[in-house]
Amino acid sequence: MKELKSTAEALKVELESLPVQSPKGFDNVFDTITQQHLDGLIVFADPLTFSNSEIIVKFANSSHRPALYAAQEFVDAGGLMSYGPSYPNMFHRGAHFVDRILKGTKPADLPIEQPMQFDFVINLKTAKQIGLTIPPNVLARADRVIK
């Protein structure tokens, strides 16, 4: 969040943080976004947002607000775009660690890893639905484009 705030300041973009603590909190956040005429959303990936991805994507799309999600699963569910770690790749790496532990390596002896693969995914169907044109140079950078 610290990095996001400093980048927003450098770009002269106003950033509003609206945390949600429970599924019931989404209605309040959606109302705030609407009342304050906020222009877009950045949605972090956590158990609460994953389990409520359908209502988040529905709100963003129906209100014609561009949304950037931290996981491609949101884009697969109809979201506009995502940039974040590849969860399938992380699960594959997790299986590698389980294999090493089962072969006798002590968990404390295993290195801590950060995600190595990040995916940028764009959903052109959603872009069209919300009336947004994605520039060709942005499309060229995408790892996957849903048409």
C-alpha atoms as a PDB file:
ATOM      1  CA  MET A   1       0.000   0.000   0.000  1.00  0.00           C
ATOM      2  CA  LYS A   2       2.924   2.296   0.760  1.00  0.00           C
ATOM      3  CA  GLU A   3       4.313   1.792  -2.759  1.00  0.00           C
ATOM      4  CA  LEU A   4       0.882   2.297  -4.282  1.00  0.00           C
ATOM      5  CA  LYS A   5       0.406   5.579  -2.416  1.00  0.00           C
ATOM      6  CA  SER A   6       3.805   6.952  -3.449  1.00  0.00           C
ATOM      7  CA  THR A   7       3.182   6.003  -7.076  1.00  0.00           C
ATOM      8  CA  ALA A   8      -0.263   7.638  -6.978  1.00  0.00           C
ATOM      9  CA  GLU A   9       1.298  10.841  -5.610  1.00  0.00           C
ATOM     10  CA  ALA A  10       3.947  10.848  -8.348  1.00  0.00           C
ATOM     11  CA  LEU A  11       1.226  10.450 -10.991  1.00  0.00           C
ATOM     12  CA  LYS A  12      -0.951  13.077  -9.282  1.00  0.00           C
ATOM     13  CA  VAL A  13      -3.724  10.533  -8.814  1.00  0.00           C
ATOM     14  CA  GLU A  14      -5.870  10.641  -5.697  1.00  0.00           C
ATOM     15  CA  LEU A  15      -6.005   7.305  -3.926  1.00  0.00           C
ATOM     16  CA  GLU A  16      -8.713   6.361  -1.438  1.00  0.00           C
ATOM     17  CA  SER A  17      -8.304   3.239   0.694  1.00  0.00           C
ATOM     18  CA  LEU A  18     -11.595   1.495   1.508  1.00  0.00           C
ATOM     19  CA  PRO A  19     -10.898  -1.640   3.541  1.00  0.00           C
ATOM     20  CA  VAL A  20     -13.558  -4.329   3.899  1.00  0.00           C
ATOM     21  CA  GLN A  21     -13.652  -6.544   6.982  1.00  0.00           C
ATOM     22  CA  SER A  22     -16.603  -8.805   6.188  1.00  0.00           C
ATOM     23  CA  PRO A  23     -18.911  -9.674   3.282  1.00  0.00           C
ATOM     24  CA  LYS A  24     -21.480  -7.181   4.605  1.00  0.00           C
ATOM     25  CA  GLY A  25     -18.884  -4.408   4.252  1.00  0.00           C
ATOM     26  CA  PHE A  26     -18.951  -4.526   0.461  1.00  0.00           C
ATOM     27  CA  ASP A  27     -22.291  -2.716   0.271  1.00  0.00           C
ATOM     28  CA  ASN A  28     -20.864   0.186   2.300  1.00  0.00           C
ATOM     29  CA  VAL A  29     -17.751   0.343   0.134  1.00  0.00           C
ATOM     30  CA  PHE A  30     -19.793   0.249  -3.079  1.00  0.00           C
ATOM     31  CA  ASP A  31     -22.002   3.050  -1.734  1.00  0.00           C
ATOM     32  CA  THR A  32     -18.928   5.133  -0.855  1.00  0.00           C
ATOM     33  CA  ILE A  33     -17.406   4.582  -4.301  1.00  0.00           C
ATOM     34  CA  THR A  34     -20.670   5.668  -5.920  1.00  0.00           C
ATOM     35  CA  GLN A  35     -21.294   8.672  -3.649  1.00  0.00           C
ATOM     36  CA  GLN A  36     -17.727   9.961  -3.940  1.00  0.00           C
ATOM     37  CA  HIS A  37     -17.706   9.371  -7.727  1.00  0.00           C
ATOM     38  CA  LEU A  38     -14.476   7.397  -7.523  1.00  0.00           C
ATOM     39  CA  ASP A  39     -13.202   6.540 -10.987  1.00  0.00           C
ATOM     40  CA  GLY A  40     -11.850   3.020 -10.606  1.00  0.00           C
ATOM     41  CA  LEU A  41     -10.908   0.175  -8.304  1.00  0.00           C
ATOM     42  CA  ILE A  42      -7.804  -1.715  -7.309  1.00  0.00           C
ATOM     43  CA  VAL A  43      -8.788  -4.986  -5.661  1.00  0.00           C
ATOM     44  CA  PHE A  44      -6.255  -6.932  -3.642  1.00  0.00           C
ATOM     45  CA  ALA A  45      -6.345 -10.718  -3.527  1.00  0.00           C
ATOM     46  CA  ASP A  46      -7.247 -12.187  -0.158  1.00  0.00           C
ATOM     47  CA  PRO A  47      -9.730 -14.803   1.040  1.00  0.00           C
ATOM     48  CA  LEU A  48     -12.501 -12.202   1.471  1.00  0.00           C
ATOM     49  CA  THR A  49     -12.161 -10.704  -2.018  1.00  0.00           C
ATOM     50  CA  PHE A  50     -11.719 -14.130  -3.646  1.00  0.00           C
ATOM     51  CA  SER A  51     -14.874 -15.473  -2.022  1.00  0.00           C
ATOM     52  CA  ASN A  52     -16.786 -12.338  -3.075  1.00  0.00           C
ATOM     53  CA  SER A  53     -15.222 -11.908  -6.504  1.00  0.00           C
ATOM     54  CA  GLU A  54     -18.549 -12.219  -8.303  1.00  0.00           C
ATOM     55  CA  ILE A  55     -20.159  -9.261  -6.523  1.00  0.00           C
ATOM     56  CA  ILE A  56     -17.012  -7.143  -6.830  1.00  0.00           C
ATOM     57  CA  VAL A  57     -16.727  -7.763 -10.578  1.00  0.00           C
ATOM     58  CA  LYS A  58     -20.472  -7.212 -11.025  1.00  0.00           C
ATOM     59  CA  PHE A  59     -20.294  -3.849  -9.216  1.00  0.00           C
ATOM     60  CA  ALA A  60     -17.258  -2.638 -11.174  1.00  0.00           C
ATOM     61  CA  ASN A  61     -18.712  -3.653 -14.531  1.00  0.00           C
ATOM     62  CA  SER A  62     -22.271  -2.471 -13.922  1.00  0.00           C
ATOM     63  CA  SER A  63     -21.023   0.911 -12.717  1.00  0.00           C
ATOM     64  CA  HIS A  64     -18.654   1.163 -15.729  1.00  0.00           C
ATOM     65  CA  ARG A  65     -15.589   1.582 -13.515  1.00  0.00           C
ATOM     66  CA  PRO A  66     -12.272   0.132 -14.628  1.00  0.00           C
ATOM     67  CA  ALA A  67     -10.863  -2.289 -12.086  1.00  0.00           C
ATOM     68  CA  LEU A  68      -7.416  -3.769 -11.653  1.00  0.00           C
ATOM     69  CA  TYR A  69      -7.368  -7.027  -9.730  1.00  0.00           C
ATOM     70  CA  ALA A  70      -4.407  -8.731  -8.087  1.00  0.00           C
ATOM     71  CA  ALA A  71      -5.270 -12.163  -9.489  1.00  0.00           C
ATOM     72  CA  GLN A  72      -6.224 -13.402 -12.945  1.00  0.00           C
ATOM     73  CA  GLU A  73      -9.100 -15.415 -11.482  1.00  0.00           C
ATOM     74  CA  PHE A  74     -11.042 -12.135 -11.200  1.00  0.00           C
ATOM     75  CA  VAL A  75     -10.546 -11.517 -14.925  1.00  0.00           C
ATOM     76  CA  ASP A  76     -11.640 -15.046 -15.705  1.00  0.00           C
ATOM     77  CA  ALA A  77     -14.830 -14.164 -13.780  1.00  0.00           C
ATOM     78  CA  GLY A  78     -15.403 -11.123 -16.038  1.00  0.00           C
ATOM     79  CA  GLY A  79     -13.149  -8.496 -14.469  1.00  0.00           C
ATOM     80  CA  LEU A  80     -11.290  -5.986 -16.640  1.00  0.00           C
ATOM     81  CA  MET A  81      -7.616  -6.670 -15.929  1.00  0.00           C
ATOM     82  CA  SER A  82      -5.246  -8.173 -13.426  1.00  0.00           C
ATOM     83  CA  TYR A  83      -1.609  -8.018 -12.549  1.00  0.00           C
ATOM     84  CA  GLY A  84      -0.316 -10.312  -9.889  1.00  0.00           C
ATOM     85  CA  PRO A  85       1.482 -13.505  -9.048  1.00  0.00           C
ATOM     86  CA  SER A  86       0.554 -16.651 -10.885  1.00  0.00           C
ATOM     87  CA  TYR A  87      -1.256 -18.710  -8.259  1.00  0.00           C
ATOM     88  CA  PRO A  88      -1.014 -21.932 -10.285  1.00  0.00           C
ATOM     89  CA  ASN A  89       2.762 -21.401 -10.438  1.00  0.00           C
ATOM     90  CA  MET A  90       2.896 -20.747  -6.693  1.00  0.00           C
ATOM     91  CA  PHE A  91       0.920 -23.938  -5.995  1.00  0.00           C
ATOM     92  CA  HIS A  92       3.338 -25.847  -8.223  1.00  0.00           C
ATOM     93  CA  ARG A  93       6.246 -24.438  -6.199  1.00  0.00           C
ATOM     94  CA  GLY A  94       4.418 -25.420  -3.003  1.00  0.00           C
ATOM     95  CA  ALA A  95       4.206 -28.995  -4.253  1.00  0.00           C
ATOM     96  CA  HIS A  96       7.983 -28.890  -4.786  1.00  0.00           C
ATOM     97  CA  PHE A  97       8.458 -27.981  -1.110  1.00  0.00           C
ATOM     98  CA  VAL A  98       6.064 -30.725   0.037  1.00  0.00           C
ATOM     99  CA  ASP A  99       8.075 -33.200  -2.051  1.00  0.00           C
ATOM    100  CA  ARG A 100      11.333 -32.089  -0.406  1.00  0.00           C
ATOM    101  CA  ILE A 101       9.814 -32.362   3.091  1.00  0.00           C
ATOM    102  CA  LEU A 102       8.476 -35.845   2.343  1.00  0.00           C
ATOM    103  CA  LYS A 103      11.981 -36.817   1.223  1.00  0.00           C
ATOM    104  CA  GLY A 104      13.411 -35.728   4.588  1.00  0.00           C
ATOM    105  CA  THR A 105      14.314 -32.051   4.304  1.00  0.00           C
ATOM    106  CA  LYS A 106      13.489 -30.147   7.465  1.00  0.00           C
ATOM    107  CA  PRO A 107      11.010 -27.310   6.803  1.00  0.00           C
ATOM    108  CA  ALA A 108      13.346 -24.883   8.601  1.00  0.00           C
ATOM    109  CA  ASP A 109      16.045 -25.717   6.040  1.00  0.00           C
ATOM    110  CA  LEU A 110      13.883 -24.711   3.068  1.00  0.00           C
ATOM    111  CA  PRO A 111      14.355 -21.257   1.604  1.00  0.00           C
ATOM    112  CA  ILE A 112      11.605 -18.673   1.707  1.00  0.00           C
ATOM    113  CA  GLU A 113      10.560 -17.786  -1.822  1.00  0.00           C
ATOM    114  CA  GLN A 114       8.678 -14.876  -3.269  1.00  0.00           C
ATOM    115  CA  PRO A 115       6.535 -15.277  -6.374  1.00  0.00           C
ATOM    116  CA  MET A 116       8.667 -15.445  -9.497  1.00  0.00           C
ATOM    117  CA  GLN A 117       5.999 -15.338 -12.186  1.00  0.00           C
ATOM    118  CA  PHE A 118       3.574 -12.429 -12.538  1.00  0.00           C
ATOM    119  CA  ASP A 119       0.789 -12.333 -15.108  1.00  0.00           C
ATOM    120  CA  PHE A 120      -0.895  -9.338 -16.740  1.00  0.00           C
ATOM    121  CA  VAL A 121      -4.311 -10.351 -18.099  1.00  0.00           C
ATOM    122  CA  ILE A 122      -6.819  -8.164 -19.954  1.00  0.00           C
ATOM    123  CA  ASN A 123     -10.442  -8.956 -20.730  1.00  0.00           C
ATOM    124  CA  LEU A 124     -11.414  -7.128 -23.943  1.00  0.00           C
ATOM    125  CA  LYS A 125     -15.044  -8.239 -23.622  1.00  0.00           C
ATOM    126  CA  THR A 126     -15.275  -6.353 -20.350  1.00  0.00           C
ATOM    127  CA  ALA A 127     -13.411  -3.344 -21.735  1.00  0.00           C
ATOM    128  CA  LYS A 128     -15.991  -3.093 -24.508  1.00  0.00           C
ATOM    129  CA  GLN A 129     -18.867  -3.590 -22.040  1.00  0.00           C
ATOM    130  CA  ILE A 130     -17.727  -0.660 -19.868  1.00  0.00           C
ATOM    131  CA  GLY A 131     -16.837   1.519 -22.853  1.00  0.00           C
ATOM    132  CA  LEU A 132     -13.065   1.449 -22.433  1.00  0.00           C
ATOM    133  CA  THR A 133     -10.507   1.211 -25.222  1.00  0.00           C
ATOM    134  CA  ILE A 134      -7.255  -0.504 -24.280  1.00  0.00           C
ATOM    135  CA  PRO A 135      -4.304   1.064 -26.149  1.00  0.00           C
ATOM    136  CA  PRO A 136      -2.354  -1.323 -28.421  1.00  0.00           C
ATOM    137  CA  ASN A 137       0.890  -0.792 -26.478  1.00  0.00           C
ATOM    138  CA  VAL A 138      -0.861  -1.971 -23.281  1.00  0.00           C
ATOM    139  CA  LEU A 139      -2.359  -4.987 -25.071  1.00  0.00           C
ATOM    140  CA  ALA A 140       1.111  -5.873 -26.365  1.00  0.00           C
ATOM    141  CA  ARG A 141       2.381  -6.129 -22.771  1.00  0.00           C
ATOM    142  CA  ALA A 142      -0.360  -8.520 -21.650  1.00  0.00           C
ATOM    143  CA  ASP A 143       0.521 -12.135 -20.979  1.00  0.00           C
ATOM    144  CA  ARG A 144      -3.026 -13.126 -21.921  1.00  0.00           C
ATOM    145  CA  VAL A 145      -5.885 -11.307 -23.616  1.00  0.00           C
ATOM    146  CA  ILE A 146      -9.466 -12.554 -23.382  1.00  0.00           C
ATOM    147  CA  LYS A 147     -11.317 -11.629 -26.566  1.00  0.00           C
END
